[in-house]
Amino acid sequence: MGFYANCIFPRLMHTACGQVPIRVLRERMIPLARGRVLEVGVGSGLNLPYYDAGHVTEFWALDPSPAMLRIATDAARASPVAPHWIERPVEDVSLESASMDTVVMTFSLCSIAAPEEGLAQVHRVLRPEGRLIFCEHGAAPDQAVRRWQNRLTPLWRRLAGGCHLNRDVAGLLTRSGFRLATLETTVIRRWWLAGFLFHGIAVKPA
């Protein structure tokens, strides 16, 4: 798995997550980031071009994968914001409590090993009334599709860097203490099991 995880998978993810339907959502959601911003799961840096330097005062980019961060470092050369890189999982983030105005998560909640712990850390580092901008794929509302997601997630997780097809995005956020200010869904039918997208803004209550 070493060569696959370090050389092949990062490029596959970069290509898959750079497709047009996702790019449209990035263009829409990422410019909403304000103030001191933490991106959880920066991956190969596909969000970087869409940050608004006029509204972002400081920017931290976190990812546990050194292979992904190597690609993101190249992307950062053309980014309007200069990242402070953090190579560690979100469960171990060491930023100060209530120090971030915005956290951004796009297609990363699915692969966090302990999602409740990760979201607890996101909640901790956000200031009161701070915003979590999210765009994630997750469990389908269609029971038949969800059954296939449940069946195939163990294999999919091994091939796709720990990615889970069947996580309850809204449920994880609300159980972690966030209020869903907006929640929208987009369905990409041709992606079938991974095509149920949930995007919006969650707020840490004061």
N, C-alpha and C. Protein backbone atom coordinates (compact mmCIF):
# COMPACT_ATOMS: atom_id res chain seq x y z
N MET A 1 0.82 -1.22 0.00
CA MET A 1 0.00 0.00 0.00
C MET A 1 0.85 1.26 0.00
N GLY A 2 2.16 1.15 0.29
CA GLY A 2 2.98 2.35 0.39
C GLY A 2 3.06 3.11 -0.91
N PHE A 3 3.41 2.41 -2.01
CA PHE A 3 3.52 3.08 -3.30
C PHE A 3 2.17 3.61 -3.75
N TYR A 4 1.13 2.80 -3.58
CA TYR A 4 -0.22 3.24 -3.96
C TYR A 4 -0.64 4.47 -3.16
N ALA A 5 -0.45 4.41 -1.83
CA ALA A 5 -0.89 5.51 -0.95
C ALA A 5 -0.11 6.78 -1.18
N ASN A 6 1.17 6.65 -1.51
CA ASN A 6 2.03 7.83 -1.61
C ASN A 6 2.14 8.40 -3.02
N CYS A 7 1.92 7.56 -4.03
CA CYS A 7 2.16 8.01 -5.40
C CYS A 7 0.92 7.99 -6.29
N ILE A 8 0.14 6.92 -6.20
CA ILE A 8 -0.99 6.77 -7.11
C ILE A 8 -2.25 7.42 -6.55
N PHE A 9 -2.62 7.08 -5.31
CA PHE A 9 -3.87 7.57 -4.74
C PHE A 9 -3.95 9.10 -4.69
N PRO A 10 -2.90 9.83 -4.27
CA PRO A 10 -3.03 11.29 -4.24
C PRO A 10 -3.37 11.89 -5.60
N ARG A 11 -2.81 11.34 -6.67
CA ARG A 11 -3.11 11.86 -8.00
C ARG A 11 -4.53 11.49 -8.44
N LEU A 12 -4.96 10.27 -8.08
CA LEU A 12 -6.34 9.88 -8.38
C LEU A 12 -7.33 10.81 -7.68
N MET A 13 -7.08 11.10 -6.41
CA MET A 13 -7.97 11.99 -5.66
C MET A 13 -7.96 13.39 -6.24
N HIS A 14 -6.79 13.87 -6.62
CA HIS A 14 -6.68 15.21 -7.21
C HIS A 14 -7.54 15.31 -8.47
N THR A 15 -7.50 14.27 -9.29
CA THR A 15 -8.29 14.26 -10.52
C THR A 15 -9.78 14.15 -10.23
N ALA A 16 -10.15 13.21 -9.35
CA ALA A 16 -11.56 12.99 -9.05
C ALA A 16 -12.20 14.22 -8.42
N CYS A 17 -11.49 14.86 -7.48
CA CYS A 17 -12.05 16.00 -6.76
C CYS A 17 -11.93 17.31 -7.53
N GLY A 18 -11.30 17.26 -8.70
CA GLY A 18 -11.19 18.46 -9.53
C GLY A 18 -12.20 18.52 -10.64
N GLN A 19 -13.16 17.58 -10.66
CA GLN A 19 -14.14 17.56 -11.73
C GLN A 19 -15.13 18.71 -11.60
N VAL A 20 -15.78 19.01 -12.71
CA VAL A 20 -16.58 20.23 -12.83
C VAL A 20 -17.65 20.37 -11.76
N PRO A 21 -18.47 19.36 -11.45
CA PRO A 21 -19.52 19.58 -10.44
C PRO A 21 -18.97 20.00 -9.09
N ILE A 22 -17.83 19.44 -8.70
CA ILE A 22 -17.22 19.82 -7.43
C ILE A 22 -16.58 21.19 -7.54
N ARG A 23 -15.96 21.47 -8.68
CA ARG A 23 -15.33 22.78 -8.86
C ARG A 23 -16.36 23.90 -8.74
N VAL A 24 -17.56 23.67 -9.25
CA VAL A 24 -18.62 24.68 -9.14
C VAL A 24 -18.95 24.95 -7.67
N LEU A 25 -19.02 23.90 -6.86
CA LEU A 25 -19.30 24.08 -5.44
C LEU A 25 -18.15 24.80 -4.74
N ARG A 26 -16.91 24.46 -5.09
CA ARG A 26 -15.76 25.17 -4.50
C ARG A 26 -15.83 26.66 -4.81
N GLU A 27 -16.10 26.99 -6.06
CA GLU A 27 -16.17 28.39 -6.47
C GLU A 27 -17.23 29.16 -5.70
N ARG A 28 -18.27 28.44 -5.32
CA ARG A 28 -19.38 29.08 -4.60
C ARG A 28 -19.11 29.18 -3.10
N MET A 29 -18.53 28.14 -2.50
CA MET A 29 -18.45 28.07 -1.05
C MET A 29 -17.17 28.69 -0.47
N ILE A 30 -16.04 28.47 -1.09
CA ILE A 30 -14.76 28.86 -0.49
C ILE A 30 -14.62 30.37 -0.30
N PRO A 31 -15.09 31.21 -1.23
CA PRO A 31 -14.96 32.66 -1.00
C PRO A 31 -15.73 33.17 0.22
N LEU A 32 -16.57 32.35 0.82
CA LEU A 32 -17.31 32.77 2.02
C LEU A 32 -16.43 32.77 3.27
N ALA A 33 -15.25 32.19 3.19
CA ALA A 33 -14.35 32.15 4.35
C ALA A 33 -13.90 33.55 4.74
N ARG A 34 -13.85 33.81 6.04
CA ARG A 34 -13.50 35.13 6.56
C ARG A 34 -12.53 35.01 7.73
N GLY A 35 -11.68 36.03 7.89
CA GLY A 35 -10.84 36.16 9.07
C GLY A 35 -9.74 35.12 9.12
N ARG A 36 -9.54 34.58 10.31
CA ARG A 36 -8.54 33.53 10.52
C ARG A 36 -9.18 32.20 10.15
N VAL A 37 -8.59 31.53 9.17
CA VAL A 37 -9.22 30.38 8.55
C VAL A 37 -8.35 29.14 8.72
N LEU A 38 -8.99 28.03 9.08
CA LEU A 38 -8.36 26.71 9.09
C LEU A 38 -9.07 25.85 8.06
N GLU A 39 -8.31 25.27 7.12
CA GLU A 39 -8.89 24.27 6.23
C GLU A 39 -8.47 22.89 6.72
N VAL A 40 -9.45 22.05 7.00
CA VAL A 40 -9.22 20.69 7.48
C VAL A 40 -9.27 19.75 6.27
N GLY A 41 -8.18 19.04 6.04
CA GLY A 41 -8.13 18.16 4.88
C GLY A 41 -7.89 18.95 3.61
N VAL A 42 -6.84 19.75 3.60
CA VAL A 42 -6.56 20.58 2.42
C VAL A 42 -6.24 19.73 1.20
N GLY A 43 -5.83 18.47 1.42
CA GLY A 43 -5.59 17.57 0.31
C GLY A 43 -4.55 18.11 -0.67
N SER A 44 -4.89 18.08 -1.95
CA SER A 44 -3.96 18.54 -2.98
C SER A 44 -4.08 20.03 -3.27
N GLY A 45 -4.87 20.75 -2.46
CA GLY A 45 -4.93 22.21 -2.58
C GLY A 45 -5.93 22.72 -3.59
N LEU A 46 -6.96 21.93 -3.91
CA LEU A 46 -7.92 22.36 -4.93
C LEU A 46 -8.75 23.56 -4.51
N ASN A 47 -8.88 23.80 -3.20
CA ASN A 47 -9.63 24.98 -2.74
C ASN A 47 -8.82 26.27 -2.80
N LEU A 48 -7.51 26.15 -2.84
CA LEU A 48 -6.66 27.33 -2.64
C LEU A 48 -6.94 28.49 -3.59
N PRO A 49 -7.20 28.25 -4.87
CA PRO A 49 -7.43 29.40 -5.76
C PRO A 49 -8.67 30.22 -5.44
N TYR A 50 -9.58 29.68 -4.64
CA TYR A 50 -10.88 30.32 -4.46
C TYR A 50 -11.00 31.14 -3.18
N TYR A 51 -9.97 31.16 -2.35
CA TYR A 51 -10.01 32.02 -1.17
C TYR A 51 -9.90 33.48 -1.57
N ASP A 52 -10.61 34.32 -0.85
CA ASP A 52 -10.60 35.76 -1.11
C ASP A 52 -9.59 36.42 -0.17
N ALA A 53 -8.46 36.82 -0.73
CA ALA A 53 -7.39 37.40 0.08
C ALA A 53 -7.84 38.69 0.77
N GLY A 54 -8.86 39.34 0.25
CA GLY A 54 -9.38 40.55 0.88
C GLY A 54 -10.15 40.29 2.16
N HIS A 55 -10.53 39.03 2.38
CA HIS A 55 -11.31 38.69 3.56
C HIS A 55 -10.63 37.70 4.49
N VAL A 56 -9.57 37.04 4.02
CA VAL A 56 -8.84 36.08 4.85
C VAL A 56 -7.60 36.75 5.41
N THR A 57 -7.50 36.83 6.73
CA THR A 57 -6.37 37.52 7.36
C THR A 57 -5.20 36.57 7.63
N GLU A 58 -5.50 35.32 8.02
CA GLU A 58 -4.48 34.28 8.19
C GLU A 58 -5.09 32.95 7.79
N PHE A 59 -4.23 32.04 7.33
CA PHE A 59 -4.75 30.79 6.77
C PHE A 59 -3.86 29.62 7.18
N TRP A 60 -4.49 28.59 7.78
CA TRP A 60 -3.81 27.35 8.15
C TRP A 60 -4.38 26.22 7.30
N ALA A 61 -3.50 25.39 6.77
CA ALA A 61 -3.89 24.27 5.91
C ALA A 61 -3.44 22.97 6.55
N LEU A 62 -4.39 22.13 6.94
CA LEU A 62 -4.09 20.91 7.68
C LEU A 62 -4.39 19.68 6.83
N ASP A 63 -3.47 18.72 6.86
CA ASP A 63 -3.72 17.42 6.24
C ASP A 63 -2.74 16.42 6.85
N PRO A 64 -3.19 15.17 7.09
CA PRO A 64 -2.27 14.19 7.67
C PRO A 64 -1.35 13.53 6.65
N SER A 65 -1.59 13.76 5.35
CA SER A 65 -0.84 13.05 4.32
C SER A 65 0.29 13.91 3.76
N PRO A 66 1.55 13.52 3.97
CA PRO A 66 2.66 14.28 3.38
C PRO A 66 2.62 14.25 1.85
N ALA A 67 2.11 13.16 1.27
CA ALA A 67 2.02 13.10 -0.20
C ALA A 67 1.04 14.15 -0.72
N MET A 68 -0.10 14.29 -0.06
CA MET A 68 -1.07 15.30 -0.47
C MET A 68 -0.52 16.71 -0.27
N LEU A 69 0.17 16.92 0.84
CA LEU A 69 0.70 18.25 1.11
C LEU A 69 1.78 18.64 0.11
N ARG A 70 2.52 17.66 -0.41
CA ARG A 70 3.50 17.99 -1.45
C ARG A 70 2.82 18.56 -2.68
N ILE A 71 1.69 17.97 -3.06
CA ILE A 71 0.95 18.50 -4.21
C ILE A 71 0.37 19.87 -3.87
N ALA A 72 -0.17 20.01 -2.67
CA ALA A 72 -0.76 21.28 -2.25
C ALA A 72 0.28 22.40 -2.22
N THR A 73 1.50 22.08 -1.85
CA THR A 73 2.56 23.09 -1.82
C THR A 73 2.79 23.67 -3.21
N ASP A 74 2.72 22.83 -4.22
CA ASP A 74 2.83 23.34 -5.60
C ASP A 74 1.66 24.25 -5.94
N ALA A 75 0.46 23.83 -5.55
CA ALA A 75 -0.73 24.64 -5.83
C ALA A 75 -0.68 25.98 -5.11
N ALA A 76 -0.05 26.02 -3.94
CA ALA A 76 -0.02 27.24 -3.13
C ALA A 76 0.78 28.36 -3.78
N ARG A 77 1.64 28.01 -4.72
CA ARG A 77 2.45 29.06 -5.37
C ARG A 77 1.57 30.06 -6.13
N ALA A 78 0.40 29.60 -6.58
CA ALA A 78 -0.51 30.49 -7.30
C ALA A 78 -1.72 30.88 -6.45
N SER A 79 -1.67 30.59 -5.16
CA SER A 79 -2.81 30.87 -4.29
C SER A 79 -2.82 32.33 -3.84
N PRO A 80 -4.01 32.92 -3.70
CA PRO A 80 -4.09 34.29 -3.19
C PRO A 80 -3.80 34.39 -1.69
N VAL A 81 -3.75 33.26 -0.98
CA VAL A 81 -3.44 33.27 0.45
C VAL A 81 -2.24 32.38 0.69
N ALA A 82 -1.42 32.74 1.68
CA ALA A 82 -0.21 31.97 2.00
C ALA A 82 -0.51 31.06 3.18
N PRO A 83 -0.45 29.74 2.98
CA PRO A 83 -0.81 28.83 4.07
C PRO A 83 0.29 28.65 5.11
N HIS A 84 -0.14 28.44 6.35
CA HIS A 84 0.70 27.84 7.38
C HIS A 84 0.36 26.35 7.35
N TRP A 85 1.32 25.50 7.02
CA TRP A 85 1.04 24.08 6.84
C TRP A 85 1.04 23.34 8.18
N ILE A 86 0.07 22.42 8.34
CA ILE A 86 -0.01 21.57 9.53
C ILE A 86 -0.14 20.13 9.05
N GLU A 87 0.89 19.32 9.27
CA GLU A 87 0.87 17.93 8.83
C GLU A 87 0.49 17.04 10.02
N ARG A 88 -0.81 16.90 10.22
CA ARG A 88 -1.31 16.03 11.29
C ARG A 88 -2.81 15.86 11.11
N PRO A 89 -3.39 14.82 11.71
CA PRO A 89 -4.85 14.66 11.64
C PRO A 89 -5.56 15.71 12.48
N VAL A 90 -6.78 16.02 12.11
CA VAL A 90 -7.52 17.05 12.84
C VAL A 90 -7.75 16.66 14.29
N GLU A 91 -7.83 15.36 14.58
CA GLU A 91 -8.02 14.93 15.96
C GLU A 91 -6.89 15.40 16.87
N ASP A 92 -5.72 15.72 16.28
CA ASP A 92 -4.55 16.13 17.06
C ASP A 92 -4.17 17.59 16.84
N VAL A 93 -5.06 18.38 16.29
CA VAL A 93 -4.72 19.77 16.01
C VAL A 93 -4.40 20.49 17.32
N SER A 94 -3.37 21.33 17.28
CA SER A 94 -2.91 21.98 18.52
C SER A 94 -3.15 23.49 18.51
N LEU A 95 -3.97 23.98 17.61
CA LEU A 95 -4.28 25.41 17.60
C LEU A 95 -5.05 25.79 18.87
N GLU A 96 -4.95 27.06 19.24
CA GLU A 96 -5.60 27.52 20.47
C GLU A 96 -7.12 27.46 20.35
N SER A 97 -7.78 27.27 21.47
CA SER A 97 -9.24 27.27 21.50
C SER A 97 -9.78 28.64 21.11
N ALA A 98 -10.89 28.64 20.39
CA ALA A 98 -11.59 29.86 19.98
C ALA A 98 -10.69 30.81 19.21
N SER A 99 -9.77 30.25 18.42
CA SER A 99 -8.80 31.09 17.70
C SER A 99 -9.13 31.28 16.22
N MET A 100 -10.11 30.54 15.69
CA MET A 100 -10.44 30.60 14.27
C MET A 100 -11.81 31.25 14.05
N ASP A 101 -11.90 32.05 13.01
CA ASP A 101 -13.19 32.62 12.62
C ASP A 101 -13.95 31.67 11.69
N THR A 102 -13.21 30.93 10.88
CA THR A 102 -13.83 30.03 9.89
C THR A 102 -13.02 28.74 9.82
N VAL A 103 -13.73 27.62 9.73
CA VAL A 103 -13.10 26.35 9.37
C VAL A 103 -13.74 25.88 8.07
N VAL A 104 -12.93 25.37 7.16
CA VAL A 104 -13.40 24.86 5.88
C VAL A 104 -13.12 23.36 5.83
N MET A 105 -14.14 22.58 5.44
CA MET A 105 -13.98 21.14 5.24
C MET A 105 -14.66 20.76 3.94
N THR A 106 -13.91 20.26 2.98
CA THR A 106 -14.50 19.79 1.74
C THR A 106 -13.98 18.38 1.45
N PHE A 107 -14.89 17.43 1.42
CA PHE A 107 -14.57 16.04 1.10
C PHE A 107 -13.45 15.50 1.98
N SER A 108 -13.53 15.83 3.26
CA SER A 108 -12.55 15.33 4.23
C SER A 108 -13.20 14.63 5.41
N LEU A 109 -14.45 14.95 5.74
CA LEU A 109 -15.12 14.31 6.87
C LEU A 109 -15.24 12.80 6.64
N CYS A 110 -15.35 12.40 5.39
CA CYS A 110 -15.52 10.98 5.07
C CYS A 110 -14.31 10.14 5.47
N SER A 111 -13.13 10.74 5.53
CA SER A 111 -11.92 9.96 5.76
C SER A 111 -11.26 10.22 7.11
N ILE A 112 -11.88 11.05 7.96
CA ILE A 112 -11.35 11.25 9.30
C ILE A 112 -11.56 9.98 10.11
N ALA A 113 -10.49 9.47 10.70
CA ALA A 113 -10.57 8.18 11.38
C ALA A 113 -11.58 8.19 12.52
N ALA A 114 -11.61 9.26 13.29
CA ALA A 114 -12.54 9.39 14.41
C ALA A 114 -13.32 10.70 14.20
N PRO A 115 -14.42 10.66 13.42
CA PRO A 115 -15.08 11.91 13.04
C PRO A 115 -15.61 12.73 14.22
N GLU A 116 -16.11 12.05 15.25
CA GLU A 116 -16.61 12.80 16.41
C GLU A 116 -15.47 13.55 17.10
N GLU A 117 -14.32 12.90 17.23
CA GLU A 117 -13.17 13.57 17.84
C GLU A 117 -12.68 14.72 16.96
N GLY A 118 -12.65 14.49 15.65
CA GLY A 118 -12.22 15.55 14.75
C GLY A 118 -13.13 16.76 14.81
N LEU A 119 -14.44 16.53 14.80
CA LEU A 119 -15.38 17.64 14.87
C LEU A 119 -15.35 18.32 16.23
N ALA A 120 -15.04 17.57 17.28
CA ALA A 120 -14.88 18.20 18.60
C ALA A 120 -13.72 19.19 18.58
N GLN A 121 -12.66 18.86 17.86
CA GLN A 121 -11.53 19.78 17.75
C GLN A 121 -11.88 20.99 16.88
N VAL A 122 -12.63 20.76 15.82
CA VAL A 122 -13.09 21.88 15.00
C VAL A 122 -13.95 22.82 15.85
N HIS A 123 -14.86 22.25 16.63
CA HIS A 123 -15.71 23.04 17.51
C HIS A 123 -14.86 23.82 18.51
N ARG A 124 -13.83 23.19 19.03
CA ARG A 124 -12.98 23.84 20.03
C ARG A 124 -12.23 25.04 19.46
N VAL A 125 -11.66 24.89 18.26
CA VAL A 125 -10.81 25.97 17.73
C VAL A 125 -11.63 27.13 17.16
N LEU A 126 -12.91 26.89 16.86
CA LEU A 126 -13.75 27.99 16.37
C LEU A 126 -14.15 28.92 17.50
N ARG A 127 -14.18 30.20 17.20
CA ARG A 127 -14.71 31.16 18.17
C ARG A 127 -16.22 31.01 18.24
N PRO A 128 -16.86 31.49 19.32
CA PRO A 128 -18.32 31.50 19.36
C PRO A 128 -18.89 32.27 18.16
N GLU A 129 -19.87 31.71 17.54
CA GLU A 129 -20.48 32.21 16.30
C GLU A 129 -19.56 32.06 15.09
N GLY A 130 -18.43 31.36 15.26
CA GLY A 130 -17.60 31.03 14.12
C GLY A 130 -18.30 30.04 13.21
N ARG A 131 -17.87 30.01 11.93
CA ARG A 131 -18.58 29.23 10.93
C ARG A 131 -17.73 28.08 10.39
N LEU A 132 -18.38 26.97 10.19
CA LEU A 132 -17.79 25.82 9.51
C LEU A 132 -18.44 25.74 8.13
N ILE A 133 -17.64 25.96 7.10
CA ILE A 133 -18.10 25.84 5.71
C ILE A 133 -17.79 24.41 5.27
N PHE A 134 -18.79 23.68 4.85
CA PHE A 134 -18.58 22.26 4.54
C PHE A 134 -19.19 21.89 3.19
N CYS A 135 -18.55 20.93 2.56
CA CYS A 135 -19.07 20.30 1.36
C CYS A 135 -18.57 18.86 1.40
N GLU A 136 -19.47 17.92 1.60
CA GLU A 136 -19.09 16.53 1.85
C GLU A 136 -20.02 15.59 1.10
N HIS A 137 -19.52 14.40 0.79
CA HIS A 137 -20.43 13.36 0.32
C HIS A 137 -20.78 12.48 1.50
N GLY A 138 -21.93 11.80 1.41
CA GLY A 138 -22.34 11.01 2.55
C GLY A 138 -23.47 10.05 2.24
N ALA A 139 -24.13 9.62 3.31
CA ALA A 139 -25.17 8.59 3.21
C ALA A 139 -26.33 9.07 2.36
N ALA A 140 -26.76 8.24 1.44
CA ALA A 140 -27.86 8.57 0.55
C ALA A 140 -29.19 8.53 1.29
N PRO A 141 -30.12 9.42 0.94
CA PRO A 141 -31.46 9.33 1.54
C PRO A 141 -32.24 8.12 1.02
N ASP A 142 -31.85 7.62 -0.14
CA ASP A 142 -32.47 6.44 -0.73
C ASP A 142 -31.98 5.19 -0.01
N GLN A 143 -32.89 4.44 0.61
CA GLN A 143 -32.51 3.29 1.43
C GLN A 143 -31.80 2.21 0.62
N ALA A 144 -32.21 2.00 -0.62
CA ALA A 144 -31.58 0.98 -1.45
C ALA A 144 -30.12 1.33 -1.72
N VAL A 145 -29.88 2.60 -2.06
CA VAL A 145 -28.51 3.04 -2.31
C VAL A 145 -27.69 2.97 -1.01
N ARG A 146 -28.32 3.36 0.09
CA ARG A 146 -27.59 3.35 1.37
C ARG A 146 -27.17 1.93 1.76
N ARG A 147 -28.01 0.95 1.44
CA ARG A 147 -27.62 -0.42 1.74
C ARG A 147 -26.35 -0.81 0.98
N TRP A 148 -26.25 -0.39 -0.28
CA TRP A 148 -25.04 -0.66 -1.05
C TRP A 148 -23.85 0.11 -0.49
N GLN A 149 -24.09 1.35 -0.04
CA GLN A 149 -23.02 2.11 0.60
C GLN A 149 -22.49 1.37 1.83
N ASN A 150 -23.40 0.85 2.64
CA ASN A 150 -23.00 0.13 3.85
C ASN A 150 -22.22 -1.14 3.51
N ARG A 151 -22.67 -1.85 2.48
CA ARG A 151 -22.00 -3.09 2.10
C ARG A 151 -20.59 -2.84 1.57
N LEU A 152 -20.44 -1.79 0.77
CA LEU A 152 -19.19 -1.59 0.06
C LEU A 152 -18.19 -0.70 0.79
N THR A 153 -18.63 0.00 1.83
CA THR A 153 -17.71 0.89 2.54
C THR A 153 -16.46 0.19 3.06
N PRO A 154 -16.53 -1.02 3.63
CA PRO A 154 -15.28 -1.65 4.11
C PRO A 154 -14.23 -1.81 3.02
N LEU A 155 -14.64 -2.22 1.82
CA LEU A 155 -13.69 -2.35 0.71
C LEU A 155 -13.28 -0.99 0.18
N TRP A 156 -14.26 -0.11 0.00
CA TRP A 156 -13.99 1.24 -0.51
C TRP A 156 -12.99 1.97 0.38
N ARG A 157 -13.14 1.81 1.67
CA ARG A 157 -12.26 2.48 2.64
C ARG A 157 -10.81 2.06 2.45
N ARG A 158 -10.59 0.81 2.12
CA ARG A 158 -9.22 0.32 1.92
C ARG A 158 -8.61 0.88 0.64
N LEU A 159 -9.44 1.09 -0.39
CA LEU A 159 -8.94 1.55 -1.68
C LEU A 159 -8.87 3.07 -1.78
N ALA A 160 -9.63 3.76 -0.93
CA ALA A 160 -9.80 5.21 -1.10
C ALA A 160 -9.34 6.00 0.11
N GLY A 161 -8.23 5.60 0.70
CA GLY A 161 -7.61 6.40 1.75
C GLY A 161 -8.45 6.58 2.99
N GLY A 162 -9.22 5.55 3.36
CA GLY A 162 -10.03 5.64 4.57
C GLY A 162 -11.40 6.26 4.37
N CYS A 163 -11.77 6.55 3.12
CA CYS A 163 -13.04 7.21 2.83
C CYS A 163 -14.22 6.29 3.13
N HIS A 164 -15.23 6.84 3.81
CA HIS A 164 -16.48 6.14 4.09
C HIS A 164 -17.57 6.69 3.17
N LEU A 165 -18.32 5.80 2.54
CA LEU A 165 -19.40 6.22 1.66
C LEU A 165 -20.66 6.62 2.43
N ASN A 166 -20.79 6.18 3.67
CA ASN A 166 -22.09 6.15 4.35
C ASN A 166 -22.18 7.03 5.59
N ARG A 167 -21.38 8.05 5.71
CA ARG A 167 -21.45 8.88 6.91
C ARG A 167 -22.63 9.86 6.84
N ASP A 168 -23.25 10.04 7.99
CA ASP A 168 -24.39 10.95 8.14
C ASP A 168 -23.85 12.35 8.43
N VAL A 169 -23.69 13.14 7.39
CA VAL A 169 -23.02 14.43 7.51
C VAL A 169 -23.77 15.35 8.47
N ALA A 170 -25.05 15.57 8.22
CA ALA A 170 -25.83 16.49 9.07
C ALA A 170 -25.88 15.99 10.51
N GLY A 171 -26.07 14.69 10.69
CA GLY A 171 -26.13 14.14 12.04
C GLY A 171 -24.84 14.31 12.80
N LEU A 172 -23.71 14.07 12.13
CA LEU A 172 -22.41 14.25 12.79
C LEU A 172 -22.22 15.70 13.22
N LEU A 173 -22.61 16.63 12.38
CA LEU A 173 -22.42 18.05 12.70
C LEU A 173 -23.30 18.47 13.88
N THR A 174 -24.56 18.09 13.85
CA THR A 174 -25.45 18.53 14.92
C THR A 174 -25.11 17.84 16.24
N ARG A 175 -24.72 16.58 16.18
CA ARG A 175 -24.33 15.89 17.42
C ARG A 175 -23.04 16.44 17.99
N SER A 176 -22.26 17.13 17.18
CA SER A 176 -21.00 17.72 17.64
C SER A 176 -21.17 19.15 18.15
N GLY A 177 -22.41 19.59 18.24
CA GLY A 177 -22.68 20.89 18.85
C GLY A 177 -22.84 22.04 17.88
N PHE A 178 -22.91 21.76 16.58
CA PHE A 178 -23.08 22.82 15.60
C PHE A 178 -24.56 23.04 15.28
N ARG A 179 -24.86 24.28 14.93
CA ARG A 179 -26.20 24.61 14.41
C ARG A 179 -26.08 24.76 12.89
N LEU A 180 -26.93 24.08 12.17
CA LEU A 180 -26.89 24.14 10.71
C LEU A 180 -27.61 25.40 10.25
N ALA A 181 -26.82 26.41 9.84
CA ALA A 181 -27.41 27.65 9.33
C ALA A 181 -27.98 27.43 7.93
N THR A 182 -27.25 26.68 7.10
CA THR A 182 -27.73 26.31 5.77
C THR A 182 -27.30 24.88 5.50
N LEU A 183 -28.14 24.16 4.78
CA LEU A 183 -27.81 22.80 4.35
C LEU A 183 -28.50 22.55 3.02
N GLU A 184 -27.70 22.27 2.00
CA GLU A 184 -28.23 21.96 0.68
C GLU A 184 -27.68 20.61 0.23
N THR A 185 -28.37 20.00 -0.71
CA THR A 185 -27.92 18.73 -1.25
C THR A 185 -27.78 18.84 -2.77
N THR A 186 -26.79 18.16 -3.29
CA THR A 186 -26.60 18.02 -4.72
C THR A 186 -26.38 16.55 -5.01
N VAL A 187 -27.04 16.03 -6.02
CA VAL A 187 -26.89 14.63 -6.39
C VAL A 187 -26.25 14.54 -7.76
N ILE A 188 -25.11 13.84 -7.81
CA ILE A 188 -24.43 13.59 -9.08
C ILE A 188 -24.70 12.12 -9.42
N ARG A 189 -25.68 11.89 -10.24
CA ARG A 189 -26.19 10.53 -10.47
C ARG A 189 -25.12 9.60 -11.03
N ARG A 190 -24.28 10.11 -11.88
CA ARG A 190 -23.31 9.21 -12.52
C ARG A 190 -22.24 8.72 -11.54
N TRP A 191 -22.14 9.36 -10.35
CA TRP A 191 -21.18 8.89 -9.34
C TRP A 191 -21.79 7.85 -8.43
N TRP A 192 -23.10 7.65 -8.52
CA TRP A 192 -23.84 6.64 -7.77
C TRP A 192 -23.54 6.69 -6.28
N LEU A 193 -22.68 5.80 -5.76
CA LEU A 193 -22.50 5.65 -4.32
C LEU A 193 -21.88 6.87 -3.66
N ALA A 194 -21.04 7.62 -4.38
CA ALA A 194 -20.37 8.78 -3.79
C ALA A 194 -20.95 10.09 -4.30
N GLY A 195 -22.14 10.04 -4.89
CA GLY A 195 -22.68 11.22 -5.55
C GLY A 195 -23.69 12.02 -4.76
N PHE A 196 -23.87 11.70 -3.47
CA PHE A 196 -24.82 12.45 -2.64
C PHE A 196 -24.03 13.48 -1.83
N LEU A 197 -24.11 14.74 -2.23
CA LEU A 197 -23.29 15.81 -1.66
C LEU A 197 -24.13 16.69 -0.74
N PHE A 198 -23.54 17.05 0.39
CA PHE A 198 -24.19 17.90 1.37
C PHE A 198 -23.29 19.11 1.62
N HIS A 199 -23.82 20.31 1.44
CA HIS A 199 -22.99 21.50 1.56
C HIS A 199 -23.76 22.62 2.23
N GLY A 200 -23.02 23.43 2.96
CA GLY A 200 -23.66 24.54 3.66
C GLY A 200 -22.75 25.16 4.70
N ILE A 201 -23.36 25.77 5.71
CA ILE A 201 -22.63 26.46 6.77
C ILE A 201 -23.20 26.01 8.12
N ALA A 202 -22.31 25.57 9.00
CA ALA A 202 -22.67 25.22 10.37
C ALA A 202 -22.02 26.24 11.30
N VAL A 203 -22.71 26.60 12.35
CA VAL A 203 -22.27 27.66 13.26
C VAL A 203 -22.05 27.09 14.66
N LYS A 204 -20.97 27.53 15.30
CA LYS A 204 -20.76 27.21 16.71
C LYS A 204 -21.56 28.21 17.54
N PRO A 205 -22.57 27.77 18.26
CA PRO A 205 -23.39 28.72 19.03
C PRO A 205 -22.56 29.46 20.09
N ALA A 206 -22.97 30.68 20.37
CA ALA A 206 -22.28 31.48 21.39
C ALA A 206 -22.50 30.86 22.77
